[in-house]
């Protein structure tokens, strides 16, 4: 049996551990969209350095790990328009949902938040429907 699943397990443990540490140390939920949104709209000026460090870590650590151990095969489309549109739609979706997978999914579910659980179910359903539509109906991906 291939051992690729271990990377998912390690990544999940790291995200869960980081979310728990962020909550214990800062007393706030580790929602990536809220942290980034506070930098963009200026509402997070009081702790901007912490937010910048968080976002920098989100971008730099995977790059360093990819250099050390090689990148993962993701089977993502090579169409840059689809990738850009997907990123923009995720950003818009996190604003509509008042949070993202880290805030609602990881932190919300672990705190037994009904709002987090409902949001997680709906964004997973929406992602599945979009994937079916774009891959099997439109043939874009």
Protein backbone atom coordinates (compact mmCIF):
# COMPACT_ATOMS: atom_id res chain seq x y z
CA UNK A 1 0.00 0.00 0.00
CA UNK A 2 1.28 3.45 -0.88
CA UNK A 3 2.00 5.74 2.04
CA UNK A 4 0.81 9.01 0.45
CA UNK A 5 -2.09 9.17 2.92
CA UNK A 6 0.39 9.91 5.70
CA UNK A 7 1.00 13.40 4.28
CA UNK A 8 -2.70 14.20 4.61
CA UNK A 9 -2.68 12.93 8.18
CA UNK A 10 0.39 14.99 9.06
CA UNK A 11 -1.07 18.08 7.40
CA UNK A 12 -4.38 17.65 9.21
CA UNK A 13 -2.60 17.29 12.56
CA UNK A 14 -0.55 20.40 11.83
CA UNK A 15 -3.62 22.46 10.91
CA UNK A 16 -5.55 21.25 13.96
CA UNK A 17 -2.57 21.90 16.23
CA UNK A 18 -2.06 25.38 14.78
CA UNK A 19 -5.76 26.20 15.22
CA UNK A 20 -5.67 25.06 18.85
CA UNK A 21 -2.49 27.05 19.56
CA UNK A 22 -3.90 30.15 17.88
CA UNK A 23 -7.05 29.96 19.99
CA UNK A 24 -5.16 29.29 23.23
CA UNK A 25 -2.52 31.95 22.68
CA UNK A 26 -4.62 34.70 21.05
CA UNK A 27 -8.12 33.88 22.25
CA UNK A 28 -9.38 34.14 18.66
CA UNK A 29 -10.44 31.70 15.96
CA UNK A 30 -7.85 30.91 13.30
CA UNK A 31 -9.91 31.74 10.23
CA UNK A 32 -7.56 32.40 7.33
CA UNK A 33 -10.10 34.49 5.42
CA UNK A 34 -10.73 36.68 8.47
CA UNK A 35 -7.02 37.13 9.09
CA UNK A 36 -6.37 38.08 5.45
CA UNK A 37 -9.58 40.12 5.22
CA UNK A 38 -8.52 42.19 8.23
CA UNK A 39 -5.30 43.08 6.42
CA UNK A 40 -7.09 44.02 3.24
CA UNK A 41 -9.94 46.09 4.68
CA UNK A 42 -7.83 47.64 7.46
CA UNK A 43 -9.90 46.29 10.34
CA UNK A 44 -6.91 44.32 11.62
CA UNK A 45 -4.47 47.19 12.05
CA UNK A 46 -4.06 46.55 15.78
CA UNK A 47 -2.46 43.14 15.15
CA UNK A 48 -1.23 43.58 11.57
CA UNK A 49 2.21 42.11 12.28
CA UNK A 50 0.65 38.89 13.56
CA UNK A 51 -1.63 38.73 10.52
CA UNK A 52 1.24 39.32 8.09
CA UNK A 53 3.30 36.60 9.79
CA UNK A 54 0.38 34.17 9.54
CA UNK A 55 -0.23 34.88 5.84
CA UNK A 56 3.52 34.75 5.08
CA UNK A 57 3.70 31.36 6.80
CA UNK A 58 0.75 30.09 4.76
CA UNK A 59 2.59 31.01 1.57
CA UNK A 60 6.22 30.29 2.44
CA UNK A 61 6.08 27.00 4.36
CA UNK A 62 4.47 24.95 1.56
CA UNK A 63 7.01 26.38 -0.89
CA UNK A 64 9.93 25.42 1.35
CA UNK A 65 8.51 21.93 1.91
CA UNK A 66 7.98 21.49 -1.84
CA UNK A 67 11.63 22.40 -2.42
CA UNK A 68 12.78 19.95 0.25
CA UNK A 69 10.55 16.97 -0.61
CA UNK A 70 9.20 17.79 -4.05
CA UNK A 71 5.78 19.09 -4.95
CA UNK A 72 2.60 17.08 -4.86
CA UNK A 73 0.78 15.92 -7.96
CA UNK A 74 -2.51 17.79 -7.75
CA UNK A 75 -3.94 17.26 -11.25
CA UNK A 76 -5.02 20.91 -11.29
CA UNK A 77 -5.91 22.31 -14.66
CA UNK A 78 -3.21 24.19 -16.53
CA UNK A 79 -5.77 26.79 -17.64
CA UNK A 80 -4.82 30.00 -15.78
CA UNK A 81 -8.26 31.58 -16.32
CA UNK A 82 -9.94 28.68 -14.49
CA UNK A 83 -7.42 28.89 -11.64
CA UNK A 84 -7.89 32.67 -11.26
CA UNK A 85 -11.69 32.37 -11.45
CA UNK A 86 -11.63 29.61 -8.83
CA UNK A 87 -9.54 31.74 -6.48
CA UNK A 88 -11.85 34.72 -6.89
CA UNK A 89 -14.94 32.57 -6.32
CA UNK A 90 -13.43 31.12 -3.15
CA UNK A 91 -12.73 34.64 -1.91
CA UNK A 92 -16.28 35.78 -2.65
CA UNK A 93 -17.68 32.62 -1.06
CA UNK A 94 -15.75 33.16 2.16
CA UNK A 95 -17.21 36.66 2.42
CA UNK A 96 -20.76 35.37 1.86
CA UNK A 97 -20.25 32.59 4.43
CA UNK A 98 -18.52 34.91 6.93
CA UNK A 99 -15.62 32.47 7.09
CA UNK A 100 -13.68 29.75 5.37
CA UNK A 101 -12.69 26.12 5.79
CA UNK A 102 -10.25 26.91 8.58
CA UNK A 103 -12.69 29.08 10.54
CA UNK A 104 -15.90 27.10 10.04
CA UNK A 105 -14.55 23.65 9.26
CA UNK A 106 -11.52 23.19 11.47
CA UNK A 107 -12.27 25.59 14.31
CA UNK A 108 -16.08 25.63 14.16
CA UNK A 109 -16.61 21.89 14.09
CA UNK A 110 -14.00 21.30 16.81
CA UNK A 111 -15.95 23.73 19.04
CA UNK A 112 -19.27 22.03 18.17
CA UNK A 113 -20.50 25.24 16.53
CA UNK A 114 -23.79 24.60 14.72
CA UNK A 115 -23.05 27.55 12.43
CA UNK A 116 -19.64 26.07 11.58
CA UNK A 117 -21.10 22.64 10.90
CA UNK A 118 -23.86 24.00 8.65
CA UNK A 119 -21.42 26.23 6.76
CA UNK A 120 -19.04 23.29 6.26
CA UNK A 121 -21.79 21.08 4.86
CA UNK A 122 -22.91 23.78 2.43
CA UNK A 123 -19.47 24.74 1.13
CA UNK A 124 -18.57 21.09 0.62
CA UNK A 125 -21.82 20.55 -1.29
CA UNK A 126 -21.24 23.69 -3.35
CA UNK A 127 -17.67 22.64 -4.14
CA UNK A 128 -18.85 19.20 -5.22
CA UNK A 129 -21.57 20.62 -7.44
CA UNK A 130 -19.19 23.11 -9.05
CA UNK A 131 -16.66 20.35 -9.68
CA UNK A 132 -19.28 18.15 -11.34
CA UNK A 133 -20.52 21.06 -13.45
CA UNK A 134 -17.08 22.25 -14.55
CA UNK A 135 -15.56 18.81 -15.14
CA UNK A 136 -18.41 16.70 -16.45
CA UNK A 137 -20.87 19.21 -17.93
CA UNK A 138 -18.65 22.00 -19.23
CA UNK A 139 -15.42 19.98 -19.63
CA UNK A 140 -13.29 22.90 -18.45
CA UNK A 141 -11.30 21.04 -15.81
